[in-house]
Amino acid sequence: YLLISGCIARSLRSLGFRAQIEPVRKLKTNSAACFD
């Protein structure tokens, strides 16, 4: 995940977006939505 996200984040940054990679965390949500 980190390797692939690194490729995407570098691409977005090179295009002018302030993309950040989130740290490791335990997911605490009951939402059915991925983008929650």
Full PDB file with SEQRES, HELIX, SHEET, SSBOND, CRYST1, ORIGX, SCALE, CONECT and MASTER records, all heavy atoms in Angstrom:
SEQRES   1 A   36  TYR LEU LEU ILE SER GLY CYS ILE ALA ARG SER LEU ARG          
SEQRES   2 A   36  SER LEU GLY PHE ARG ALA GLN ILE GLU PRO VAL ARG LYS          
SEQRES   3 A   36  LEU LYS THR ASN SER ALA ALA CYS PHE ASP                      
HELIX    1 AA1 LEU A    2  SER A   14  1                                  13    
CRYST1    1.000    1.000    1.000  90.00  90.00  90.00 P 1           1          
ORIGX1      1.000000  0.000000  0.000000        0.00000                         
ORIGX2      0.000000  1.000000  0.000000        0.00000                         
ORIGX3      0.000000  0.000000  1.000000        0.00000                         
SCALE1      1.000000  0.000000  0.000000        0.00000                         
SCALE2      0.000000  1.000000  0.000000        0.00000                         
SCALE3      0.000000  0.000000  1.000000        0.00000                         
ATOM      1  N   TYR A   1       0.838  -1.201   0.000  1.00  0.00           N  
ATOM      2  CA  TYR A   1       0.000   0.000   0.000  1.00  0.00           C  
ATOM      3  C   TYR A   1       0.873   1.251   0.000  1.00  0.00           C  
ATOM      4  O   TYR A   1       0.615   2.197  -0.747  1.00  0.00           O  
ATOM      5  CB  TYR A   1      -0.897   0.016   1.250  1.00  0.00           C  
ATOM      6  CG  TYR A   1      -2.323  -0.400   1.008  1.00  0.00           C  
ATOM      7  CD1 TYR A   1      -2.662  -1.745   0.876  1.00  0.00           C  
ATOM      8  CD2 TYR A   1      -3.349   0.535   0.927  1.00  0.00           C  
ATOM      9  CE1 TYR A   1      -3.971  -2.132   0.664  1.00  0.00           C  
ATOM     10  CE2 TYR A   1      -4.657   0.157   0.716  1.00  0.00           C  
ATOM     11  CZ  TYR A   1      -4.962  -1.188   0.587  1.00  0.00           C  
ATOM     12  OH  TYR A   1      -6.261  -1.566   0.372  1.00  0.00           O  
ATOM     13  N   LEU A   2       1.888   1.264   0.842  1.00  0.00           N  
ATOM     14  CA  LEU A   2       2.765   2.434   0.937  1.00  0.00           C  
ATOM     15  C   LEU A   2       3.512   2.659  -0.372  1.00  0.00           C  
ATOM     16  O   LEU A   2       3.644   3.807  -0.833  1.00  0.00           O  
ATOM     17  CB  LEU A   2       3.755   2.255   2.085  1.00  0.00           C  
ATOM     18  CG  LEU A   2       4.751   3.399   2.304  1.00  0.00           C  
ATOM     19  CD1 LEU A   2       4.025   4.715   2.547  1.00  0.00           C  
ATOM     20  CD2 LEU A   2       5.685   3.077   3.460  1.00  0.00           C  
ATOM     21  N   LEU A   3       3.982   1.582  -0.986  1.00  0.00           N  
ATOM     22  CA  LEU A   3       4.720   1.695  -2.247  1.00  0.00           C  
ATOM     23  C   LEU A   3       3.839   2.301  -3.341  1.00  0.00           C  
ATOM     24  O   LEU A   3       4.246   3.224  -4.056  1.00  0.00           O  
ATOM     25  CB  LEU A   3       5.210   0.312  -2.673  1.00  0.00           C  
ATOM     26  CG  LEU A   3       6.124   0.263  -3.893  1.00  0.00           C  
ATOM     27  CD1 LEU A   3       7.467   0.905  -3.573  1.00  0.00           C  
ATOM     28  CD2 LEU A   3       6.330  -1.191  -4.334  1.00  0.00           C  
ATOM     29  N   ILE A   4       2.611   1.788  -3.469  1.00  0.00           N  
ATOM     30  CA  ILE A   4       1.695   2.264  -4.509  1.00  0.00           C  
ATOM     31  C   ILE A   4       1.220   3.681  -4.197  1.00  0.00           C  
ATOM     32  O   ILE A   4       1.182   4.544  -5.080  1.00  0.00           O  
ATOM     33  CB  ILE A   4       0.520   1.290  -4.658  1.00  0.00           C  
ATOM     34  CG1 ILE A   4       1.032  -0.068  -5.166  1.00  0.00           C  
ATOM     35  CG2 ILE A   4      -0.543   1.853  -5.601  1.00  0.00           C  
ATOM     36  CD1 ILE A   4       0.016  -1.197  -5.068  1.00  0.00           C  
ATOM     37  N   SER A   5       0.885   3.932  -2.939  1.00  0.00           N  
ATOM     38  CA  SER A   5       0.464   5.289  -2.563  1.00  0.00           C  
ATOM     39  C   SER A   5       1.581   6.297  -2.793  1.00  0.00           C  
ATOM     40  O   SER A   5       1.315   7.454  -3.147  1.00  0.00           O  
ATOM     41  CB  SER A   5       0.027   5.323  -1.098  1.00  0.00           C  
ATOM     42  OG  SER A   5      -1.222   4.684  -0.940  1.00  0.00           O  
ATOM     43  N   GLY A   6       2.816   5.856  -2.624  1.00  0.00           N  
ATOM     44  CA  GLY A   6       3.940   6.749  -2.879  1.00  0.00           C  
ATOM     45  C   GLY A   6       3.975   7.200  -4.331  1.00  0.00           C  
ATOM     46  O   GLY A   6       4.200   8.382  -4.617  1.00  0.00           O  
ATOM     47  N   CYS A   7       3.722   6.268  -5.248  1.00  0.00           N  
ATOM     48  CA  CYS A   7       3.690   6.618  -6.676  1.00  0.00           C  
ATOM     49  C   CYS A   7       2.586   7.631  -6.954  1.00  0.00           C  
ATOM     50  O   CYS A   7       2.786   8.618  -7.667  1.00  0.00           O  
ATOM     51  CB  CYS A   7       3.469   5.366  -7.525  1.00  0.00           C  
ATOM     52  SG  CYS A   7       4.825   4.173  -7.499  1.00  0.00           S  
ATOM     53  N   ILE A   8       1.405   7.375  -6.392  1.00  0.00           N  
ATOM     54  CA  ILE A   8       0.265   8.259  -6.649  1.00  0.00           C  
ATOM     55  C   ILE A   8       0.484   9.628  -6.020  1.00  0.00           C  
ATOM     56  O   ILE A   8       0.243  10.669  -6.646  1.00  0.00           O  
ATOM     57  CB  ILE A   8      -1.030   7.620  -6.126  1.00  0.00           C  
ATOM     58  CG1 ILE A   8      -1.300   6.293  -6.853  1.00  0.00           C  
ATOM     59  CG2 ILE A   8      -2.209   8.566  -6.304  1.00  0.00           C  
ATOM     60  CD1 ILE A   8      -2.440   5.490  -6.260  1.00  0.00           C  
ATOM     61  N   ALA A   9       0.963   9.650  -4.779  1.00  0.00           N  
ATOM     62  CA  ALA A   9       1.173  10.924  -4.090  1.00  0.00           C  
ATOM     63  C   ALA A   9       2.229  11.766  -4.799  1.00  0.00           C  
ATOM     64  O   ALA A   9       2.061  12.990  -4.953  1.00  0.00           O  
ATOM     65  CB  ALA A   9       1.572  10.676  -2.643  1.00  0.00           C  
ATOM     66  N   ARG A  10       3.322  11.159  -5.239  1.00  0.00           N  
ATOM     67  CA  ARG A  10       4.364  11.919  -5.948  1.00  0.00           C  
ATOM     68  C   ARG A  10       3.811  12.505  -7.242  1.00  0.00           C  
ATOM     69  O   ARG A  10       4.135  13.638  -7.612  1.00  0.00           O  
ATOM     70  CB  ARG A  10       5.571  11.028  -6.233  1.00  0.00           C  
ATOM     71  CG  ARG A  10       6.396  10.709  -5.000  1.00  0.00           C  
ATOM     72  CD  ARG A  10       7.743  10.093  -5.365  1.00  0.00           C  
ATOM     73  NE  ARG A  10       7.601   8.840  -6.097  1.00  0.00           N  
ATOM     74  CZ  ARG A  10       7.462   7.649  -5.516  1.00  0.00           C  
ATOM     75  NH1 ARG A  10       7.432   7.552  -4.187  1.00  0.00           N  
ATOM     76  NH2 ARG A  10       7.367   6.555  -6.232  1.00  0.00           N  
ATOM     77  N   SER A  11       2.995  11.724  -7.938  1.00  0.00           N  
ATOM     78  CA  SER A  11       2.386  12.224  -9.170  1.00  0.00           C  
ATOM     79  C   SER A  11       1.500  13.429  -8.879  1.00  0.00           C  
ATOM     80  O   SER A  11       1.590  14.468  -9.560  1.00  0.00           O  
ATOM     81  CB  SER A  11       1.566  11.114  -9.836  1.00  0.00           C  
ATOM     82  OG  SER A  11       0.844  11.607 -10.936  1.00  0.00           O  
ATOM     83  N   LEU A  12       0.639  13.302  -7.879  1.00  0.00           N  
ATOM     84  CA  LEU A  12      -0.256  14.413  -7.546  1.00  0.00           C  
ATOM     85  C   LEU A  12       0.521  15.657  -7.124  1.00  0.00           C  
ATOM     86  O   LEU A  12       0.190  16.781  -7.526  1.00  0.00           O  
ATOM     87  CB  LEU A  12      -1.225  13.988  -6.446  1.00  0.00           C  
ATOM     88  CG  LEU A  12      -2.274  12.935  -6.840  1.00  0.00           C  
ATOM     89  CD1 LEU A  12      -3.081  12.511  -5.618  1.00  0.00           C  
ATOM     90  CD2 LEU A  12      -3.199  13.460  -7.933  1.00  0.00           C  
ATOM     91  N   ARG A  13       1.571  15.464  -6.348  1.00  0.00           N  
ATOM     92  CA  ARG A  13       2.374  16.613  -5.912  1.00  0.00           C  
ATOM     93  C   ARG A  13       3.048  17.289  -7.102  1.00  0.00           C  
ATOM     94  O   ARG A  13       3.143  18.524  -7.160  1.00  0.00           O  
ATOM     95  CB  ARG A  13       3.414  16.166  -4.893  1.00  0.00           C  
ATOM     96  CG  ARG A  13       2.843  15.784  -3.534  1.00  0.00           C  
ATOM     97  CD  ARG A  13       3.908  15.129  -2.683  1.00  0.00           C  
ATOM     98  NE  ARG A  13       3.351  14.532  -1.486  1.00  0.00           N  
ATOM     99  CZ  ARG A  13       3.906  13.506  -0.844  1.00  0.00           C  
ATOM    100  NH1 ARG A  13       5.057  12.985  -1.276  1.00  0.00           N  
ATOM    101  NH2 ARG A  13       3.347  13.022   0.242  1.00  0.00           N  
ATOM    102  N   SER A  14       3.530  16.479  -8.043  1.00  0.00           N  
ATOM    103  CA  SER A  14       4.201  17.058  -9.213  1.00  0.00           C  
ATOM    104  C   SER A  14       3.247  17.883 -10.059  1.00  0.00           C  
ATOM    105  O   SER A  14       3.670  18.771 -10.804  1.00  0.00           O  
ATOM    106  CB  SER A  14       4.829  15.951 -10.066  1.00  0.00           C  
ATOM    107  OG  SER A  14       3.847  15.231 -10.795  1.00  0.00           O  
ATOM    108  N   LEU A  15       1.954  17.601  -9.923  1.00  0.00           N  
ATOM    109  CA  LEU A  15       0.931  18.331 -10.659  1.00  0.00           C  
ATOM    110  C   LEU A  15       0.386  19.526  -9.873  1.00  0.00           C  
ATOM    111  O   LEU A  15      -0.495  20.239 -10.345  1.00  0.00           O  
ATOM    112  CB  LEU A  15      -0.221  17.390 -11.023  1.00  0.00           C  
ATOM    113  CG  LEU A  15       0.113  16.327 -12.068  1.00  0.00           C  
ATOM    114  CD1 LEU A  15      -0.960  15.242 -12.089  1.00  0.00           C  
ATOM    115  CD2 LEU A  15       0.268  16.951 -13.450  1.00  0.00           C  
ATOM    116  N   GLY A  16       0.886  19.712  -8.664  1.00  0.00           N  
ATOM    117  CA  GLY A  16       0.498  20.875  -7.879  1.00  0.00           C  
ATOM    118  C   GLY A  16      -0.486  20.611  -6.756  1.00  0.00           C  
ATOM    119  O   GLY A  16      -0.905  21.555  -6.079  1.00  0.00           O  
ATOM    120  N   PHE A  17      -0.851  19.343  -6.517  1.00  0.00           N  
ATOM    121  CA  PHE A  17      -1.773  19.018  -5.430  1.00  0.00           C  
ATOM    122  C   PHE A  17      -0.987  18.737  -4.147  1.00  0.00           C  
ATOM    123  O   PHE A  17       0.069  18.112  -4.181  1.00  0.00           O  
ATOM    124  CB  PHE A  17      -2.609  17.783  -5.799  1.00  0.00           C  
ATOM    125  CG  PHE A  17      -3.497  17.988  -6.999  1.00  0.00           C  
ATOM    126  CD1 PHE A  17      -3.098  17.535  -8.250  1.00  0.00           C  
ATOM    127  CD2 PHE A  17      -4.712  18.639  -6.879  1.00  0.00           C  
ATOM    128  CE1 PHE A  17      -3.900  17.724  -9.364  1.00  0.00           C  
ATOM    129  CE2 PHE A  17      -5.528  18.828  -7.980  1.00  0.00           C  
ATOM    130  CZ  PHE A  17      -5.124  18.365  -9.240  1.00  0.00           C  
ATOM    131  N   ARG A  18      -1.530  19.149  -3.027  1.00  0.00           N  
ATOM    132  CA  ARG A  18      -0.839  18.979  -1.741  1.00  0.00           C  
ATOM    133  C   ARG A  18      -1.228  17.630  -1.127  1.00  0.00           C  
ATOM    134  O   ARG A  18      -1.855  17.541  -0.072  1.00  0.00           O  
ATOM    135  CB  ARG A  18      -1.178  20.142  -0.820  1.00  0.00           C  
ATOM    136  CG  ARG A  18      -0.738  21.483  -1.381  1.00  0.00           C  
ATOM    137  CD  ARG A  18      -1.221  22.649  -0.547  1.00  0.00           C  
ATOM    138  NE  ARG A  18      -0.641  22.646   0.791  1.00  0.00           N  
ATOM    139  CZ  ARG A  18      -0.943  23.525   1.729  1.00  0.00           C  
ATOM    140  NH1 ARG A  18      -1.840  24.478   1.473  1.00  0.00           N  
ATOM    141  NH2 ARG A  18      -0.388  23.460   2.912  1.00  0.00           N  
ATOM    142  N   ALA A  19      -0.856  16.583  -1.813  1.00  0.00           N  
ATOM    143  CA  ALA A  19      -1.239  15.229  -1.403  1.00  0.00           C  
ATOM    144  C   ALA A  19      -0.367  14.741  -0.256  1.00  0.00           C  
ATOM    145  O   ALA A  19       0.857  14.932  -0.255  1.00  0.00           O  
ATOM    146  CB  ALA A  19      -1.115  14.273  -2.584  1.00  0.00           C  
ATOM    147  N   GLN A  20      -1.007  14.081   0.715  1.00  0.00           N  
ATOM    148  CA  GLN A  20      -0.312  13.515   1.863  1.00  0.00           C  
ATOM    149  C   GLN A  20      -0.684  12.037   2.010  1.00  0.00           C  
ATOM    150  O   GLN A  20      -1.812  11.651   1.701  1.00  0.00           O  
ATOM    151  CB  GLN A  20      -0.697  14.265   3.139  1.00  0.00           C  
ATOM    152  CG  GLN A  20      -0.347  15.734   3.129  1.00  0.00           C  
ATOM    153  CD  GLN A  20       1.160  15.974   3.132  1.00  0.00           C  
ATOM    154  OE1 GLN A  20       1.915  15.235   3.770  1.00  0.00           O  
ATOM    155  NE2 GLN A  20       1.601  16.990   2.422  1.00  0.00           N  
ATOM    156  N   ILE A  21       0.254  11.250   2.500  1.00  0.00           N  
ATOM    157  CA  ILE A  21      -0.006   9.843   2.796  1.00  0.00           C  
ATOM    158  C   ILE A  21      -0.293   9.713   4.278  1.00  0.00           C  
ATOM    159  O   ILE A  21       0.522  10.125   5.117  1.00  0.00           O  
ATOM    160  CB  ILE A  21       1.189   8.953   2.391  1.00  0.00           C  
ATOM    161  CG1 ILE A  21       1.441   9.069   0.878  1.00  0.00           C  
ATOM    162  CG2 ILE A  21       0.927   7.506   2.778  1.00  0.00           C  
ATOM    163  CD1 ILE A  21       2.674   8.306   0.412  1.00  0.00           C  
ATOM    164  N   GLU A  22      -1.441   9.175   4.603  1.00  0.00           N  
ATOM    165  CA  GLU A  22      -1.835   9.062   6.003  1.00  0.00           C  
ATOM    166  C   GLU A  22      -0.999   8.003   6.729  1.00  0.00           C  
ATOM    167  O   GLU A  22      -0.562   7.023   6.128  1.00  0.00           O  
ATOM    168  CB  GLU A  22      -3.320   8.688   6.099  1.00  0.00           C  
ATOM    169  CG  GLU A  22      -4.247   9.797   5.620  1.00  0.00           C  
ATOM    170  CD  GLU A  22      -4.111  11.053   6.461  1.00  0.00           C  
ATOM    171  OE1 GLU A  22      -4.365  10.991   7.671  1.00  0.00           O  
ATOM    172  OE2 GLU A  22      -3.749  12.110   5.884  1.00  0.00           O  
ATOM    173  N   PRO A  23      -0.752   8.172   8.024  1.00  0.00           N  
ATOM    174  CA  PRO A  23       0.042   7.200   8.787  1.00  0.00           C  
ATOM    175  C   PRO A  23      -0.743   5.917   9.045  1.00  0.00           C  
ATOM    176  O   PRO A  23      -1.946   5.839   8.774  1.00  0.00           O  
ATOM    177  CB  PRO A  23       0.313   7.947  10.098  1.00  0.00           C  
ATOM    178  CG  PRO A  23      -0.857   8.869  10.240  1.00  0.00           C  
ATOM    179  CD  PRO A  23      -1.196   9.304   8.845  1.00  0.00           C  
ATOM    180  N   VAL A  24      -0.048   4.934   9.573  1.00  0.00           N  
ATOM    181  CA  VAL A  24      -0.704   3.677   9.961  1.00  0.00           C  
ATOM    182  C   VAL A  24      -1.688   3.969  11.085  1.00  0.00           C  
ATOM    183  O   VAL A  24      -1.372   4.676  12.043  1.00  0.00           O  
ATOM    184  CB  VAL A  24       0.338   2.645  10.435  1.00  0.00           C  
ATOM    185  CG1 VAL A  24      -0.352   1.399  10.980  1.00  0.00           C  
ATOM    186  CG2 VAL A  24       1.264   2.269   9.288  1.00  0.00           C  
ATOM    187  N   ARG A  25      -2.892   3.444  10.938  1.00  0.00           N  
ATOM    188  CA  ARG A  25      -3.908   3.654  11.974  1.00  0.00           C  
ATOM    189  C   ARG A  25      -4.876   2.482  11.973  1.00  0.00           C  
ATOM    190  O   ARG A  25      -5.054   1.800  10.971  1.00  0.00           O  
ATOM    191  CB  ARG A  25      -4.665   4.948  11.716  1.00  0.00           C  
ATOM    192  CG  ARG A  25      -5.322   5.053  10.333  1.00  0.00           C  
ATOM    193  CD  ARG A  25      -6.431   6.097  10.339  1.00  0.00           C  
ATOM    194  NE  ARG A  25      -5.944   7.400  10.713  1.00  0.00           N  
ATOM    195  CZ  ARG A  25      -5.666   8.374   9.855  1.00  0.00           C  
ATOM    196  NH1 ARG A  25      -5.841   8.150   8.572  1.00  0.00           N  
ATOM    197  NH2 ARG A  25      -5.232   9.548  10.262  1.00  0.00           N  
ATOM    198  N   LYS A  26      -5.489   2.263  13.125  1.00  0.00           N  
ATOM    199  CA  LYS A  26      -6.554   1.270  13.216  1.00  0.00           C  
ATOM    200  C   LYS A  26      -7.852   1.938  12.787  1.00  0.00           C  
ATOM    201  O   LYS A  26      -8.211   3.008  13.284  1.00  0.00           O  
ATOM    202  CB  LYS A  26      -6.672   0.729  14.645  1.00  0.00           C  
ATOM    203  CG  LYS A  26      -5.499  -0.146  15.066  1.00  0.00           C  
ATOM    204  CD  LYS A  26      -5.726  -0.745  16.443  1.00  0.00           C  
ATOM    205  CE  LYS A  26      -4.569  -1.667  16.835  1.00  0.00           C  
ATOM    206  NZ  LYS A  26      -4.775  -2.264  18.188  1.00  0.00           N  
ATOM    207  N   LEU A  27      -8.541   1.302  11.862  1.00  0.00           N  
ATOM    208  CA  LEU A  27      -9.770   1.875  11.328  1.00  0.00           C  
ATOM    209  C   LEU A  27     -10.911   1.661  12.317  1.00  0.00           C  
ATOM    210  O   LEU A  27     -11.245   0.538  12.653  1.00  0.00           O  
ATOM    211  CB  LEU A  27     -10.107   1.218   9.989  1.00  0.00           C  
ATOM    212  CG  LEU A  27     -11.190   1.882   9.149  1.00  0.00           C  
ATOM    213  CD1 LEU A  27     -10.787   3.298   8.776  1.00  0.00           C  
ATOM    214  CD2 LEU A  27     -11.456   1.060   7.891  1.00  0.00           C  
ATOM    215  N   LYS A  28     -11.487   2.761  12.797  1.00  0.00           N  
ATOM    216  CA  LYS A  28     -12.579   2.686  13.760  1.00  0.00           C  
ATOM    217  C   LYS A  28     -13.806   3.353  13.166  1.00  0.00           C  
ATOM    218  O   LYS A  28     -14.027   4.553  13.334  1.00  0.00           O  
ATOM    219  CB  LYS A  28     -12.190   3.364  15.079  1.00  0.00           C  
ATOM    220  CG  LYS A  28     -11.030   2.679  15.800  1.00  0.00           C  
ATOM    221  CD  LYS A  28     -10.694   3.394  17.101  1.00  0.00           C  
ATOM    222  CE  LYS A  28      -9.541   2.714  17.823  1.00  0.00           C  
ATOM    223  NZ  LYS A  28      -9.196   3.423  19.093  1.00  0.00           N  
ATOM    224  N   THR A  29     -14.582   2.592  12.418  1.00  0.00           N  
ATOM    225  CA  THR A  29     -15.797   3.116  11.811  1.00  0.00           C  
ATOM    226  C   THR A  29     -16.745   1.980  11.496  1.00  0.00           C  
ATOM    227  O   THR A  29     -16.310   0.877  11.174  1.00  0.00           O  
ATOM    228  CB  THR A  29     -15.479   3.908  10.526  1.00  0.00           C  
ATOM    229  OG1 THR A  29     -16.713   4.373   9.955  1.00  0.00           O  
ATOM    230  CG2 THR A  29     -14.776   3.034   9.501  1.00  0.00           C  
ATOM    231  N   ASN A  30     -18.017   2.267  11.610  1.00  0.00           N  
ATOM    232  CA  ASN A  30     -19.040   1.310  11.206  1.00  0.00           C  
ATOM    233  C   ASN A  30     -19.664   1.695   9.870  1.00  0.00           C  
ATOM    234  O   ASN A  30     -20.617   1.062   9.416  1.00  0.00           O  
ATOM    235  CB  ASN A  30     -20.140   1.231  12.274  1.00  0.00           C  
ATOM    236  CG  ASN A  30     -19.631   0.649  13.580  1.00  0.00           C  
ATOM    237  OD1 ASN A  30     -18.858  -0.303  13.577  1.00  0.00           O  
ATOM    238  ND2 ASN A  30     -20.048   1.228  14.696  1.00  0.00           N  
ATOM    239  N   SER A  31     -19.131   2.725   9.239  1.00  0.00           N  
ATOM    240  CA  SER A  31     -19.703   3.215   7.993  1.00  0.00           C  
ATOM    241  C   SER A  31     -19.491   2.215   6.859  1.00  0.00           C  
ATOM    242  O   SER A  31     -18.446   1.566   6.764  1.00  0.00           O  
ATOM    243  CB  SER A  31     -19.080   4.556   7.609  1.00  0.00           C  
ATOM    244  OG  SER A  31     -19.543   4.986   6.356  1.00  0.00           O  
ATOM    245  N   ALA A  32     -20.473   2.143   5.971  1.00  0.00           N  
ATOM    246  CA  ALA A  32     -20.353   1.302   4.783  1.00  0.00           C  
ATOM    247  C   ALA A  32     -19.567   1.997   3.675  1.00  0.00           C  
ATOM    248  O   ALA A  32     -19.236   1.377   2.667  1.00  0.00           O  
ATOM    249  CB  ALA A  32     -21.745   0.940   4.268  1.00  0.00           C  
ATOM    250  N   ALA A  33     -19.261   3.290   3.866  1.00  0.00           N  
ATOM    251  CA  ALA A  33     -18.630   4.095   2.821  1.00  0.00           C  
ATOM    252  C   ALA A  33     -17.110   4.093   2.946  1.00  0.00           C  
ATOM    253  O   ALA A  33     -16.559   4.420   3.999  1.00  0.00           O  
ATOM    254  CB  ALA A  33     -19.149   5.535   2.879  1.00  0.00           C  
ATOM    255  N   CYS A  34     -16.436   3.772   1.862  1.00  0.00           N  
ATOM    256  CA  CYS A  34     -14.973   3.771   1.850  1.00  0.00           C  
ATOM    257  C   CYS A  34     -14.403   5.144   2.164  1.00  0.00           C  
ATOM    258  O   CYS A  34     -13.398   5.275   2.862  1.00  0.00           O  
ATOM    259  CB  CYS A  34     -14.490   3.303   0.477  1.00  0.00           C  
ATOM    260  SG  CYS A  34     -12.718   3.483   0.193  1.00  0.00           S  
ATOM    261  N   PHE A  35     -15.058   6.202   1.657  1.00  0.00           N  
ATOM    262  CA  PHE A  35     -14.503   7.551   1.799  1.00  0.00           C  
ATOM    263  C   PHE A  35     -14.920   8.237   3.091  1.00  0.00           C  
ATOM    264  O   PHE A  35     -14.686   9.426   3.279  1.00  0.00           O  
ATOM    265  CB  PHE A  35     -14.864   8.395   0.569  1.00  0.00           C  
ATOM    266  CG  PHE A  35     -13.972   8.108  -0.602  1.00  0.00           C  
ATOM    267  CD1 PHE A  35     -14.221   7.044  -1.439  1.00  0.00           C  
ATOM    268  CD2 PHE A  35     -12.856   8.893  -0.850  1.00  0.00           C  
ATOM    269  CE1 PHE A  35     -13.394   6.762  -2.523  1.00  0.00           C  
ATOM    270  CE2 PHE A  35     -12.012   8.626  -1.922  1.00  0.00           C  
ATOM    271  CZ  PHE A  35     -12.287   7.555  -2.763  1.00  0.00           C  
ATOM    272  N   ASP A  36     -15.497   7.470   4.011  1.00  0.00           N  
ATOM    273  CA  ASP A  36     -15.809   8.002   5.336  1.00  0.00           C  
ATOM    274  C   ASP A  36     -14.538   8.269   6.132  1.00  0.00           C  
ATOM    275  O   ASP A  36     -14.462   9.216   6.913  1.00  0.00           O  
ATOM    276  CB  ASP A  36     -16.707   7.011   6.075  1.00  0.00           C  
ATOM    277  CG  ASP A  36     -16.892   7.360   7.538  1.00  0.00           C  
ATOM    278  OD1 ASP A  36     -17.682   8.273   7.831  1.00  0.00           O  
ATOM    279  OD2 ASP A  36     -16.231   6.722   8.380  1.00  0.00           O  
TER     280      ASP A  36                                                      
MASTER        0    0    0    1    0    0    0    6  279    1    0    3          
END                                                                             
